[in-house]
Every structure is written in C-alpha cells, then in structure tokens.
Amino acid sequence: QLQLVESGGGLVQPGGSLRLSCAASGTTLSYYALGWFRQAPGKEREGVSYISSSGGSTTNYADSVKGRFTISRDNAKNTLYLQMNSLKPEDTAVYYCAAVWRVGVPKRPFNYYSYDYWGQGTQVTVSS
C-alpha cells in the first residue's frame, strides 16, 4: 500500500521560496503518475501541477503558478518535489501530493478524483 508524507511547508514572505517534498513508502513510486494539489480555507481543492509516471517526461502547471513552480521526481529516492518561487499571498493553502498507478498521466490530471493516494498535507503561508 502506497503511503505519502509531505514536508517542507511553512511561513514565508511574499517573493520568497519553498520546496515541498512528498516521500513515498510501501512501494516504488516510479509506476505512479503524481500531482500536487492545494486547498485554501473556504475553497475547493485545486490542481497545481502534475508529472507523468516513470521518467516524468510530461509535466504541466495551473496558469496561476506557471513560471513560478517546478515539479520534479526522484524515483531513486521515492520522492516528489515542488519548488515554489516568487510566492504570493494567494498561494497560501494546504498543499497535498497525490498518486495514481498508471502509465503516463490521468485523463484529467488536474481533477482530484483522478488520484487514489493522498498525503496528509503541509501548510504553506505567504505573508509579510
């Protein structure tokens, strides 16, 4: 059974950077397509970024983070990352990593129901 644990969240000033990690255990992560989602208070969970299974040749980003966030995976370390730069107050949310066993990416990779496994979330707060 795949288990995911996020880390790396915290309080950062606008314009700052954070790197989130999502460590997997229970099985190898390489066969899973992976995604990052976030949920702000009073809002629905939204897709932030995703990466294809295996080598991660396919990535994509929500328009709101494009050019600022970078998703990557290290299958040898069984870990997913999200590098977040030029953070804005509107990036404040709980960030979740998610996984689904499949080749490539899900049909609707920004939809939360496309993923079967979830971490517990890590809080990111962007404030001066």
N, C-alpha and C. Protein backbone atom coordinates (compact mmCIF):
# COMPACT_ATOMS: atom_id res chain seq x y z
N GLN A 1 0.83 -1.18 0.00
CA GLN A 1 0.00 0.00 0.00
C GLN A 1 0.88 1.25 0.00
N LEU A 2 0.65 2.11 -0.97
CA LEU A 2 1.44 3.34 -1.07
C LEU A 2 1.04 4.32 0.01
N GLN A 3 2.03 4.88 0.67
CA GLN A 3 1.79 5.94 1.66
C GLN A 3 2.62 7.15 1.28
N LEU A 4 2.02 8.33 1.43
CA LEU A 4 2.67 9.58 1.04
C LEU A 4 2.73 10.53 2.24
N VAL A 5 3.88 11.17 2.41
CA VAL A 5 4.05 12.12 3.51
C VAL A 5 4.70 13.38 2.97
N GLU A 6 3.99 14.51 3.07
CA GLU A 6 4.52 15.79 2.63
C GLU A 6 5.33 16.47 3.73
N SER A 7 6.26 17.31 3.32
CA SER A 7 7.03 18.12 4.25
C SER A 7 7.52 19.36 3.49
N GLY A 8 8.04 20.33 4.25
CA GLY A 8 8.64 21.49 3.63
C GLY A 8 7.80 22.75 3.67
N GLY A 9 6.58 22.65 4.17
CA GLY A 9 5.75 23.83 4.26
C GLY A 9 6.23 24.75 5.37
N GLY A 10 5.62 25.93 5.42
CA GLY A 10 5.98 26.88 6.46
C GLY A 10 5.50 28.27 6.13
N LEU A 11 6.02 29.24 6.90
CA LEU A 11 5.68 30.65 6.71
C LEU A 11 6.81 31.31 5.92
N VAL A 12 6.44 32.03 4.87
CA VAL A 12 7.44 32.69 4.03
C VAL A 12 6.89 34.05 3.61
N GLN A 13 7.76 35.00 3.41
CA GLN A 13 7.35 36.33 2.96
C GLN A 13 7.05 36.33 1.46
N PRO A 14 6.20 37.24 1.03
CA PRO A 14 5.95 37.35 -0.42
C PRO A 14 7.25 37.52 -1.19
N GLY A 15 7.35 36.81 -2.30
CA GLY A 15 8.57 36.81 -3.09
C GLY A 15 9.56 35.73 -2.70
N GLY A 16 9.30 35.06 -1.61
CA GLY A 16 10.20 34.02 -1.13
C GLY A 16 9.98 32.69 -1.82
N SER A 17 10.73 31.68 -1.36
CA SER A 17 10.70 30.35 -1.97
C SER A 17 10.55 29.27 -0.91
N LEU A 18 9.96 28.17 -1.32
CA LEU A 18 9.89 26.96 -0.52
C LEU A 18 10.01 25.77 -1.45
N ARG A 19 10.51 24.67 -0.91
CA ARG A 19 10.49 23.42 -1.66
C ARG A 19 9.74 22.37 -0.85
N LEU A 20 8.65 21.90 -1.42
CA LEU A 20 7.88 20.84 -0.79
C LEU A 20 8.41 19.49 -1.24
N SER A 21 8.37 18.54 -0.33
CA SER A 21 8.74 17.16 -0.64
C SER A 21 7.57 16.25 -0.31
N CYS A 22 7.49 15.16 -1.04
CA CYS A 22 6.47 14.14 -0.78
C CYS A 22 7.19 12.80 -0.83
N ALA A 23 7.40 12.23 0.34
CA ALA A 23 8.13 10.97 0.44
C ALA A 23 7.15 9.80 0.40
N ALA A 24 7.46 8.83 -0.43
CA ALA A 24 6.59 7.67 -0.58
C ALA A 24 7.19 6.46 0.11
N SER A 25 6.33 5.59 0.61
CA SER A 25 6.76 4.33 1.20
C SER A 25 5.72 3.26 0.87
N GLY A 26 6.12 2.03 1.01
CA GLY A 26 5.20 0.92 0.78
C GLY A 26 5.36 0.28 -0.58
N THR A 27 5.82 1.05 -1.56
CA THR A 27 6.03 0.53 -2.90
C THR A 27 6.83 1.57 -3.69
N THR A 28 7.34 1.16 -4.85
CA THR A 28 8.11 2.10 -5.65
C THR A 28 7.20 3.12 -6.33
N LEU A 29 7.68 4.36 -6.34
CA LEU A 29 6.87 5.45 -6.87
C LEU A 29 6.92 5.56 -8.38
N SER A 30 7.84 4.88 -9.00
CA SER A 30 8.10 5.11 -10.43
C SER A 30 6.91 4.75 -11.32
N TYR A 31 6.04 3.86 -10.86
CA TYR A 31 4.90 3.44 -11.69
C TYR A 31 3.67 4.33 -11.52
N TYR A 32 3.82 5.40 -10.74
CA TYR A 32 2.69 6.26 -10.41
C TYR A 32 2.84 7.62 -11.07
N ALA A 33 1.72 8.08 -11.66
CA ALA A 33 1.63 9.49 -12.02
C ALA A 33 1.35 10.27 -10.74
N LEU A 34 1.92 11.46 -10.64
CA LEU A 34 1.88 12.21 -9.40
C LEU A 34 1.37 13.64 -9.62
N GLY A 35 0.75 14.17 -8.59
CA GLY A 35 0.26 15.54 -8.68
C GLY A 35 0.39 16.27 -7.36
N TRP A 36 0.38 17.58 -7.47
CA TRP A 36 0.29 18.47 -6.31
C TRP A 36 -1.04 19.22 -6.40
N PHE A 37 -1.72 19.25 -5.26
CA PHE A 37 -2.97 20.00 -5.15
C PHE A 37 -2.85 20.94 -3.96
N ARG A 38 -3.75 21.91 -3.90
CA ARG A 38 -3.77 22.80 -2.75
C ARG A 38 -5.21 23.17 -2.42
N GLN A 39 -5.43 23.50 -1.17
CA GLN A 39 -6.76 23.89 -0.73
C GLN A 39 -6.65 25.03 0.28
N ALA A 40 -7.20 26.16 -0.10
CA ALA A 40 -7.24 27.32 0.78
C ALA A 40 -8.54 27.29 1.58
N PRO A 41 -8.57 27.96 2.73
CA PRO A 41 -9.80 27.96 3.54
C PRO A 41 -11.01 28.46 2.75
N GLY A 42 -12.09 27.68 2.81
CA GLY A 42 -13.32 28.07 2.14
C GLY A 42 -13.33 27.84 0.64
N LYS A 43 -12.26 27.23 0.12
CA LYS A 43 -12.18 26.99 -1.33
C LYS A 43 -12.06 25.51 -1.62
N GLU A 44 -12.35 25.14 -2.85
CA GLU A 44 -12.22 23.75 -3.27
C GLU A 44 -10.74 23.40 -3.49
N ARG A 45 -10.45 22.11 -3.40
CA ARG A 45 -9.10 21.65 -3.70
C ARG A 45 -8.84 21.84 -5.19
N GLU A 46 -7.70 22.42 -5.52
CA GLU A 46 -7.37 22.68 -6.92
C GLU A 46 -6.04 22.05 -7.30
N GLY A 47 -5.97 21.64 -8.54
CA GLY A 47 -4.73 21.07 -9.06
C GLY A 47 -3.70 22.14 -9.31
N VAL A 48 -2.48 21.89 -8.90
CA VAL A 48 -1.39 22.84 -9.06
C VAL A 48 -0.44 22.40 -10.17
N SER A 49 -0.09 21.10 -10.14
CA SER A 49 0.88 20.59 -11.11
C SER A 49 0.80 19.08 -11.14
N TYR A 50 1.27 18.48 -12.23
CA TYR A 50 1.35 17.03 -12.29
C TYR A 50 2.56 16.62 -13.11
N ILE A 51 2.94 15.34 -12.92
CA ILE A 51 4.09 14.78 -13.61
C ILE A 51 3.79 13.33 -13.95
N SER A 52 4.21 12.90 -15.12
CA SER A 52 3.90 11.55 -15.57
C SER A 52 4.72 10.51 -14.81
N SER A 53 4.26 9.27 -14.92
CA SER A 53 4.95 8.17 -14.28
C SER A 53 6.31 7.91 -14.94
N SER A 54 7.07 7.01 -14.35
CA SER A 54 8.39 6.63 -14.84
C SER A 54 9.33 7.84 -14.86
N GLY A 55 9.83 8.24 -16.01
CA GLY A 55 10.81 9.32 -16.08
C GLY A 55 10.26 10.71 -15.90
N GLY A 56 8.98 10.86 -15.86
CA GLY A 56 8.40 12.18 -15.64
C GLY A 56 8.60 13.12 -16.80
N SER A 57 8.49 12.60 -18.01
CA SER A 57 8.74 13.44 -19.18
C SER A 57 7.65 14.46 -19.43
N THR A 58 6.47 14.22 -18.87
CA THR A 58 5.35 15.14 -19.06
C THR A 58 5.05 15.85 -17.76
N THR A 59 5.04 17.17 -17.80
CA THR A 59 4.65 17.98 -16.66
C THR A 59 3.73 19.09 -17.13
N ASN A 60 2.94 19.59 -16.20
CA ASN A 60 2.08 20.72 -16.53
C ASN A 60 1.74 21.46 -15.24
N TYR A 61 1.29 22.71 -15.41
CA TYR A 61 1.05 23.57 -14.28
C TYR A 61 -0.25 24.35 -14.46
N ALA A 62 -0.89 24.64 -13.35
CA ALA A 62 -2.02 25.57 -13.38
C ALA A 62 -1.52 26.94 -13.83
N ASP A 63 -2.35 27.69 -14.51
CA ASP A 63 -1.94 29.01 -15.01
C ASP A 63 -1.47 29.91 -13.88
N SER A 64 -2.06 29.75 -12.71
CA SER A 64 -1.75 30.63 -11.58
C SER A 64 -0.33 30.44 -11.05
N VAL A 65 0.31 29.30 -11.37
CA VAL A 65 1.66 29.04 -10.84
C VAL A 65 2.68 28.87 -11.95
N LYS A 66 2.24 28.89 -13.19
CA LYS A 66 3.15 28.64 -14.30
C LYS A 66 4.27 29.68 -14.31
N GLY A 67 5.50 29.21 -14.46
CA GLY A 67 6.66 30.09 -14.46
C GLY A 67 7.23 30.33 -13.08
N ARG A 68 6.50 29.94 -12.04
CA ARG A 68 6.98 30.14 -10.66
C ARG A 68 7.25 28.83 -9.94
N PHE A 69 6.47 27.79 -10.26
CA PHE A 69 6.60 26.49 -9.60
C PHE A 69 7.22 25.49 -10.56
N THR A 70 7.98 24.53 -10.00
CA THR A 70 8.57 23.45 -10.78
C THR A 70 8.36 22.13 -10.07
N ILE A 71 7.76 21.19 -10.78
CA ILE A 71 7.55 19.85 -10.23
C ILE A 71 8.66 18.93 -10.73
N SER A 72 9.09 18.02 -9.87
CA SER A 72 10.10 17.04 -10.28
C SER A 72 9.94 15.80 -9.42
N ARG A 73 10.56 14.72 -9.87
CA ARG A 73 10.51 13.47 -9.13
C ARG A 73 11.88 12.83 -9.14
N ASP A 74 12.20 12.14 -8.04
CA ASP A 74 13.44 11.38 -7.93
C ASP A 74 13.03 9.97 -7.56
N ASN A 75 12.94 9.11 -8.56
CA ASN A 75 12.46 7.75 -8.31
C ASN A 75 13.43 6.96 -7.44
N ALA A 76 14.69 7.26 -7.53
CA ALA A 76 15.68 6.56 -6.69
C ALA A 76 15.44 6.86 -5.21
N LYS A 77 14.97 8.08 -4.93
CA LYS A 77 14.67 8.46 -3.55
C LYS A 77 13.20 8.28 -3.21
N ASN A 78 12.41 7.83 -4.21
CA ASN A 78 10.98 7.63 -3.98
C ASN A 78 10.30 8.90 -3.49
N THR A 79 10.66 10.03 -4.11
CA THR A 79 10.21 11.32 -3.62
C THR A 79 9.77 12.23 -4.76
N LEU A 80 8.72 12.98 -4.50
CA LEU A 80 8.21 14.01 -5.39
C LEU A 80 8.52 15.37 -4.78
N TYR A 81 8.79 16.36 -5.65
CA TYR A 81 9.12 17.69 -5.17
C TYR A 81 8.25 18.75 -5.86
N LEU A 82 8.12 19.88 -5.17
CA LEU A 82 7.53 21.06 -5.78
C LEU A 82 8.35 22.26 -5.32
N GLN A 83 9.12 22.83 -6.24
CA GLN A 83 9.88 24.03 -5.97
C GLN A 83 8.98 25.23 -6.25
N MET A 84 8.79 26.06 -5.24
CA MET A 84 7.90 27.21 -5.36
C MET A 84 8.69 28.49 -5.17
N ASN A 85 8.74 29.30 -6.21
CA ASN A 85 9.46 30.56 -6.18
C ASN A 85 8.48 31.73 -6.35
N SER A 86 8.95 32.92 -6.03
CA SER A 86 8.14 34.14 -6.18
C SER A 86 6.75 33.96 -5.58
N LEU A 87 6.73 33.47 -4.37
CA LEU A 87 5.45 33.14 -3.73
C LEU A 87 4.63 34.40 -3.47
N LYS A 88 3.32 34.22 -3.58
CA LYS A 88 2.36 35.30 -3.40
C LYS A 88 1.41 34.94 -2.25
N PRO A 89 0.79 35.93 -1.64
CA PRO A 89 -0.17 35.61 -0.57
C PRO A 89 -1.27 34.66 -1.03
N GLU A 90 -1.67 34.75 -2.29
CA GLU A 90 -2.72 33.87 -2.80
C GLU A 90 -2.27 32.42 -2.96
N ASP A 91 -0.99 32.15 -2.75
CA ASP A 91 -0.51 30.77 -2.76
C ASP A 91 -0.72 30.10 -1.40
N THR A 92 -1.17 30.85 -0.41
CA THR A 92 -1.41 30.30 0.91
C THR A 92 -2.48 29.22 0.85
N ALA A 93 -2.13 28.03 1.35
CA ALA A 93 -3.05 26.89 1.30
C ALA A 93 -2.37 25.70 1.96
N VAL A 94 -3.16 24.64 2.15
CA VAL A 94 -2.59 23.34 2.49
C VAL A 94 -2.28 22.64 1.17
N TYR A 95 -1.06 22.16 1.04
CA TYR A 95 -0.62 21.51 -0.18
C TYR A 95 -0.58 20.00 0.03
N TYR A 96 -1.14 19.28 -0.95
CA TYR A 96 -1.22 17.84 -0.89
C TYR A 96 -0.53 17.22 -2.10
N CYS A 97 0.16 16.11 -1.89
CA CYS A 97 0.61 15.33 -3.03
C CYS A 97 -0.35 14.16 -3.23
N ALA A 98 -0.42 13.69 -4.46
CA ALA A 98 -1.36 12.64 -4.81
C ALA A 98 -0.73 11.72 -5.84
N ALA A 99 -1.20 10.48 -5.88
CA ALA A 99 -0.62 9.49 -6.78
C ALA A 99 -1.69 8.56 -7.34
N VAL A 100 -1.46 8.10 -8.56
CA VAL A 100 -2.32 7.10 -9.18
C VAL A 100 -1.43 6.17 -10.01
N TRP A 101 -1.69 4.87 -9.91
CA TRP A 101 -0.89 3.88 -10.62
C TRP A 101 -1.35 3.84 -12.06
N ARG A 102 -0.48 4.27 -12.99
CA ARG A 102 -0.81 4.23 -14.41
C ARG A 102 0.40 4.66 -15.23
N VAL A 103 0.36 4.31 -16.52
CA VAL A 103 1.36 4.78 -17.47
C VAL A 103 0.99 6.19 -17.91
N GLY A 104 1.94 7.07 -17.92
CA GLY A 104 1.68 8.43 -18.39
C GLY A 104 1.01 9.28 -17.32
N VAL A 105 -0.09 9.92 -17.70
CA VAL A 105 -0.84 10.77 -16.78
C VAL A 105 -2.31 10.40 -16.85
N PRO A 106 -3.09 10.75 -15.83
CA PRO A 106 -4.53 10.51 -15.88
C PRO A 106 -5.18 11.33 -17.00
N LYS A 107 -6.41 10.94 -17.36
CA LYS A 107 -7.12 11.67 -18.41
C LYS A 107 -7.41 13.09 -18.00
N ARG A 108 -7.71 13.28 -16.73
CA ARG A 108 -7.99 14.61 -16.18
C ARG A 108 -7.05 14.86 -15.02
N PRO A 109 -5.80 15.17 -15.29
CA PRO A 109 -4.77 15.20 -14.25
C PRO A 109 -4.91 16.33 -13.23
N PHE A 110 -5.72 17.34 -13.52
CA PHE A 110 -5.92 18.41 -12.55
C PHE A 110 -7.17 18.18 -11.69
N ASN A 111 -7.84 17.06 -11.91
CA ASN A 111 -9.02 16.73 -11.11
C ASN A 111 -8.62 15.81 -9.96
N TYR A 112 -9.06 16.13 -8.77
CA TYR A 112 -8.61 15.38 -7.61
C TYR A 112 -9.10 13.93 -7.64
N TYR A 113 -10.25 13.65 -8.27
CA TYR A 113 -10.76 12.28 -8.26
C TYR A 113 -9.99 11.35 -9.19
N SER A 114 -9.03 11.92 -9.92
CA SER A 114 -8.18 11.08 -10.78
C SER A 114 -7.10 10.35 -9.99
N TYR A 115 -6.94 10.67 -8.71
CA TYR A 115 -5.86 10.12 -7.90
C TYR A 115 -6.40 9.24 -6.78
N ASP A 116 -5.67 8.19 -6.47
CA ASP A 116 -6.12 7.22 -5.49
C ASP A 116 -5.44 7.37 -4.13
N TYR A 117 -4.27 7.95 -4.09
CA TYR A 117 -3.50 8.03 -2.86
C TYR A 117 -3.16 9.49 -2.56
N TRP A 118 -3.26 9.84 -1.28
CA TRP A 118 -3.06 11.22 -0.86
C TRP A 118 -2.21 11.29 0.40
N GLY A 119 -1.42 12.34 0.48
CA GLY A 119 -0.73 12.64 1.72
C GLY A 119 -1.65 13.41 2.66
N GLN A 120 -1.10 13.73 3.83
CA GLN A 120 -1.90 14.41 4.86
C GLN A 120 -1.91 15.91 4.68
N GLY A 121 -1.02 16.44 3.85
CA GLY A 121 -0.97 17.87 3.58
C GLY A 121 0.08 18.59 4.40
N THR A 122 0.58 19.70 3.85
CA THR A 122 1.51 20.56 4.55
C THR A 122 1.09 22.01 4.32
N GLN A 123 1.10 22.81 5.38
CA GLN A 123 0.61 24.18 5.31
C GLN A 123 1.68 25.11 4.73
N VAL A 124 1.28 25.91 3.77
CA VAL A 124 2.12 26.96 3.22
C VAL A 124 1.41 28.29 3.46
N THR A 125 2.09 29.20 4.14
CA THR A 125 1.53 30.51 4.43
C THR A 125 2.48 31.58 3.89
N VAL A 126 1.96 32.42 3.03
CA VAL A 126 2.76 33.50 2.43
C VAL A 126 2.21 34.81 2.98
N SER A 127 3.01 35.45 3.81
CA SER A 127 2.55 36.66 4.48
C SER A 127 3.74 37.47 4.96
N SER A 128 3.56 38.80 4.97
CA SER A 128 4.61 39.67 5.49
C SER A 128 4.34 39.97 6.97
